[in-house]
Amino acid sequence: MPAPGPRTTHRYSAHFKATAVRLSALPGVSVRDVAHSLYIHPFMLSRWRKLAREGSIVTKGIELDQAISAELKELREVKRRYERLQIEHDLLKKAIAFTSKQKAMSSPLSRTIKKPVR
C-alpha cells in the first residue's frame, strides 16, 4: 500500500531532459538503456523525446560528456554478453540433464559385469 498523503513527483530540469534526449539519440544506444542508467522510466524518456521532436525541449547546444556515452555503450555490450552467457548456461544445464537421463536409462547389466583382469 502506498503511504497516505500527497504523492511526491520529481521535477527534472530542462538541461537534464535535453541531455537525456541527446544520449538516447546516440547510435547503438537504446532508450531503455539510457532510462535505466538515469534511473527514470523509459516511458518518461520517450515522452521527452516526443517533446523534443515537437520543439518543446531544446536539445541543440547540449554538450555530451564522452565518458557517459562510452559508459552507455559499454553497458549495452555487457548486457549482450550476459544474455549470451545465460543462453550458454541453459544449454549446458540441458546437456547435463540429458546425459544424466541417458546414464540412468542404460542397461544395469553393463554396469555389473566386470571384465576379467589379465
C-alpha atoms as a PDB file:
ATOM      1  CA  MET A   1       0.000   0.000   0.000  1.00  0.00           C
ATOM      2  CA  PRO A   2       1.308   3.460  -0.770  1.00  0.00           C
ATOM      3  CA  ALA A   3       1.851   5.835   2.095  1.00  0.00           C
ATOM      4  CA  PRO A   4      -1.074   8.150   2.819  1.00  0.00           C
ATOM      5  CA  GLY A   5      -0.727  11.774   1.908  1.00  0.00           C
ATOM      6  CA  PRO A   6       0.195  13.710  -1.199  1.00  0.00           C
ATOM      7  CA  ARG A   7       2.174  11.940  -3.882  1.00  0.00           C
ATOM      8  CA  THR A   8       5.660  13.288  -4.480  1.00  0.00           C
ATOM      9  CA  THR A   9       6.776  13.821  -8.043  1.00  0.00           C
ATOM     10  CA  HIS A  10      10.239  14.550  -9.337  1.00  0.00           C
ATOM     11  CA  ARG A  11      10.823  17.711 -11.325  1.00  0.00           C
ATOM     12  CA  TYR A  12      13.667  17.461 -13.805  1.00  0.00           C
ATOM     13  CA  SER A  13      15.426  20.477 -15.247  1.00  0.00           C
ATOM     14  CA  ALA A  14      15.252  21.295 -18.929  1.00  0.00           C
ATOM     15  CA  HIS A  15      19.005  20.666 -19.171  1.00  0.00           C
ATOM     16  CA  PHE A  16      18.605  17.160 -17.699  1.00  0.00           C
ATOM     17  CA  LYS A  17      15.778  16.356 -20.110  1.00  0.00           C
ATOM     18  CA  ALA A  18      17.721  17.659 -23.116  1.00  0.00           C
ATOM     19  CA  THR A  19      20.818  15.680 -22.091  1.00  0.00           C
ATOM     20  CA  ALA A  20      18.758  12.505 -21.705  1.00  0.00           C
ATOM     21  CA  VAL A  21      17.221  13.027 -25.140  1.00  0.00           C
ATOM     22  CA  ARG A  22      20.643  13.596 -26.711  1.00  0.00           C
ATOM     23  CA  LEU A  23      22.027  10.459 -25.029  1.00  0.00           C
ATOM     24  CA  SER A  24      19.135   8.377 -26.320  1.00  0.00           C
ATOM     25  CA  ALA A  25      19.815   9.648 -29.843  1.00  0.00           C
ATOM     26  CA  LEU A  26      23.352   8.238 -29.893  1.00  0.00           C
ATOM     27  CA  PRO A  27      23.873   5.410 -32.395  1.00  0.00           C
ATOM     28  CA  GLY A  28      23.892   1.971 -30.810  1.00  0.00           C
ATOM     29  CA  VAL A  29      22.241   3.126 -27.582  1.00  0.00           C
ATOM     30  CA  SER A  30      18.662   2.220 -26.752  1.00  0.00           C
ATOM     31  CA  VAL A  31      16.105   4.355 -24.946  1.00  0.00           C
ATOM     32  CA  ARG A  32      15.739   1.645 -22.339  1.00  0.00           C
ATOM     33  CA  ASP A  33      19.469   1.639 -21.530  1.00  0.00           C
ATOM     34  CA  VAL A  34      19.573   5.418 -21.171  1.00  0.00           C
ATOM     35  CA  ALA A  35      16.486   5.468 -18.977  1.00  0.00           C
ATOM     36  CA  HIS A  36      17.851   2.676 -16.800  1.00  0.00           C
ATOM     37  CA  SER A  37      21.197   4.419 -16.342  1.00  0.00           C
ATOM     38  CA  LEU A  38      19.483   7.710 -15.420  1.00  0.00           C
ATOM     39  CA  TYR A  39      17.031   5.982 -13.047  1.00  0.00           C
ATOM     40  CA  ILE A  40      13.958   7.160 -14.917  1.00  0.00           C
ATOM     41  CA  HIS A  41      11.141   5.224 -16.565  1.00  0.00           C
ATOM     42  CA  PRO A  42      11.610   4.541 -20.287  1.00  0.00           C
ATOM     43  CA  PHE A  43       8.138   5.926 -20.989  1.00  0.00           C
ATOM     44  CA  MET A  44       9.179   9.269 -19.472  1.00  0.00           C
ATOM     45  CA  LEU A  45      12.225   9.418 -21.725  1.00  0.00           C
ATOM     46  CA  SER A  46      10.095   8.521 -24.741  1.00  0.00           C
ATOM     47  CA  ARG A  47       7.744  11.368 -23.822  1.00  0.00           C
ATOM     48  CA  TRP A  48      10.690  13.765 -23.577  1.00  0.00           C
ATOM     49  CA  ARG A  49      11.911  12.601 -26.998  1.00  0.00           C
ATOM     50  CA  LYS A  50       8.471  13.364 -28.428  1.00  0.00           C
ATOM     51  CA  LEU A  51       8.530  16.834 -26.837  1.00  0.00           C
ATOM     52  CA  ALA A  52      11.984  17.409 -28.327  1.00  0.00           C
ATOM     53  CA  ARG A  53      10.707  16.478 -31.793  1.00  0.00           C
ATOM     54  CA  GLU A  54       7.822  18.916 -31.310  1.00  0.00           C
ATOM     55  CA  GLY A  55      10.236  21.648 -30.197  1.00  0.00           C
ATOM     56  CA  SER A  56       9.194  21.933 -26.535  1.00  0.00           C
ATOM     57  CA  ILE A  57      12.602  20.722 -25.345  1.00  0.00           C
ATOM     58  CA  VAL A  58      15.630  22.303 -27.000  1.00  0.00           C
ATOM     59  CA  THR A  59      18.486  19.842 -27.420  1.00  0.00           C
ATOM     60  CA  LYS A  60      20.802  21.973 -29.539  1.00  0.00           C
ATOM     61  CA  GLY A  61      23.814  23.297 -27.707  1.00  0.00           C
ATOM     62  CA  ILE A  62      23.812  20.489 -25.148  1.00  0.00           C
ATOM     63  CA  GLU A  63      27.300  19.045 -24.848  1.00  0.00           C
ATOM     64  CA  LEU A  64      27.512  15.346 -24.079  1.00  0.00           C
ATOM     65  CA  ASP A  65      30.193  14.004 -21.811  1.00  0.00           C
ATOM     66  CA  GLN A  66      32.074  11.359 -23.792  1.00  0.00           C
ATOM     67  CA  ALA A  67      32.516   9.283 -20.645  1.00  0.00           C
ATOM     68  CA  ILE A  68      28.743   8.955 -20.263  1.00  0.00           C
ATOM     69  CA  SER A  69      28.194   7.874 -23.846  1.00  0.00           C
ATOM     70  CA  ALA A  70      31.078   5.399 -23.610  1.00  0.00           C
ATOM     71  CA  GLU A  71      29.627   4.013 -20.396  1.00  0.00           C
ATOM     72  CA  LEU A  72      26.223   3.521 -22.036  1.00  0.00           C
ATOM     73  CA  LYS A  73      27.790   1.678 -24.950  1.00  0.00           C
ATOM     74  CA  GLU A  74      29.785  -0.476 -22.535  1.00  0.00           C
ATOM     75  CA  LEU A  75      26.615  -1.235 -20.569  1.00  0.00           C
ATOM     76  CA  ARG A  76      24.905  -2.395 -23.740  1.00  0.00           C
ATOM     77  CA  GLU A  77      27.871  -4.650 -24.591  1.00  0.00           C
ATOM     78  CA  VAL A  78      27.916  -6.148 -21.086  1.00  0.00           C
ATOM     79  CA  LYS A  79      24.181  -6.860 -21.282  1.00  0.00           C
ATOM     80  CA  ARG A  80      24.644  -8.549 -24.649  1.00  0.00           C
ATOM     81  CA  ARG A  81      27.440 -10.739 -23.281  1.00  0.00           C
ATOM     82  CA  TYR A  82      25.392 -11.584 -20.185  1.00  0.00           C
ATOM     83  CA  GLU A  83      22.431 -12.702 -22.306  1.00  0.00           C
ATOM     84  CA  ARG A  84      24.750 -14.899 -24.355  1.00  0.00           C
ATOM     85  CA  LEU A  85      26.208 -16.460 -21.200  1.00  0.00           C
ATOM     86  CA  GLN A  86      22.703 -17.145 -19.907  1.00  0.00           C
ATOM     87  CA  ILE A  87      21.829 -18.970 -23.122  1.00  0.00           C
ATOM     88  CA  GLU A  88      25.043 -21.000 -22.948  1.00  0.00           C
ATOM     89  CA  HIS A  89      24.394 -21.818 -19.292  1.00  0.00           C
ATOM     90  CA  ASP A  90      20.858 -23.019 -20.048  1.00  0.00           C
ATOM     91  CA  LEU A  91      22.173 -25.146 -22.896  1.00  0.00           C
ATOM     92  CA  LEU A  92      24.783 -26.762 -20.631  1.00  0.00           C
ATOM     93  CA  LYS A  93      22.133 -27.475 -17.990  1.00  0.00           C
ATOM     94  CA  LYS A  94      20.004 -29.221 -20.629  1.00  0.00           C
ATOM     95  CA  ALA A  95      23.010 -31.231 -21.839  1.00  0.00           C
ATOM     96  CA  ILE A  96      23.818 -32.361 -18.292  1.00  0.00           C
ATOM     97  CA  ALA A  97      20.208 -33.356 -17.693  1.00  0.00           C
ATOM     98  CA  PHE A  98      20.142 -35.274 -20.977  1.00  0.00           C
ATOM     99  CA  THR A  99      23.354 -37.202 -20.271  1.00  0.00           C
ATOM    100  CA  SER A 100      22.221 -37.959 -16.728  1.00  0.00           C
ATOM    101  CA  LYS A 101      18.973 -39.318 -18.094  1.00  0.00           C
ATOM    102  CA  GLN A 102      20.843 -41.440 -20.633  1.00  0.00           C
ATOM    103  CA  LYS A 103      23.075 -42.923 -17.911  1.00  0.00           C
ATOM    104  CA  ALA A 104      20.029 -43.775 -15.809  1.00  0.00           C
ATOM    105  CA  MET A 105      18.346 -45.477 -18.753  1.00  0.00           C
ATOM    106  CA  SER A 106      21.409 -47.522 -19.732  1.00  0.00           C
ATOM    107  CA  SER A 107      21.391 -51.243 -19.072  1.00  0.00           C
ATOM    108  CA  PRO A 108      22.097 -52.202 -15.447  1.00  0.00           C
ATOM    109  CA  LEU A 109      23.905 -55.364 -16.689  1.00  0.00           C
ATOM    110  CA  SER A 110      26.565 -53.332 -18.396  1.00  0.00           C
ATOM    111  CA  ARG A 111      27.483 -51.805 -15.051  1.00  0.00           C
ATOM    112  CA  THR A 112      27.516 -55.042 -13.046  1.00  0.00           C
ATOM    113  CA  ILE A 113      29.541 -57.233 -15.383  1.00  0.00           C
ATOM    114  CA  LYS A 114      33.208 -56.823 -14.679  1.00  0.00           C
ATOM    115  CA  LYS A 115      35.840 -57.661 -17.216  1.00  0.00           C
ATOM    116  CA  PRO A 116      38.434 -60.220 -16.128  1.00  0.00           C
ATOM    117  CA  VAL A 117      41.817 -58.811 -15.299  1.00  0.00           C
ATOM    118  CA  ARG A 118      44.609 -60.339 -17.395  1.00  0.00           C
END
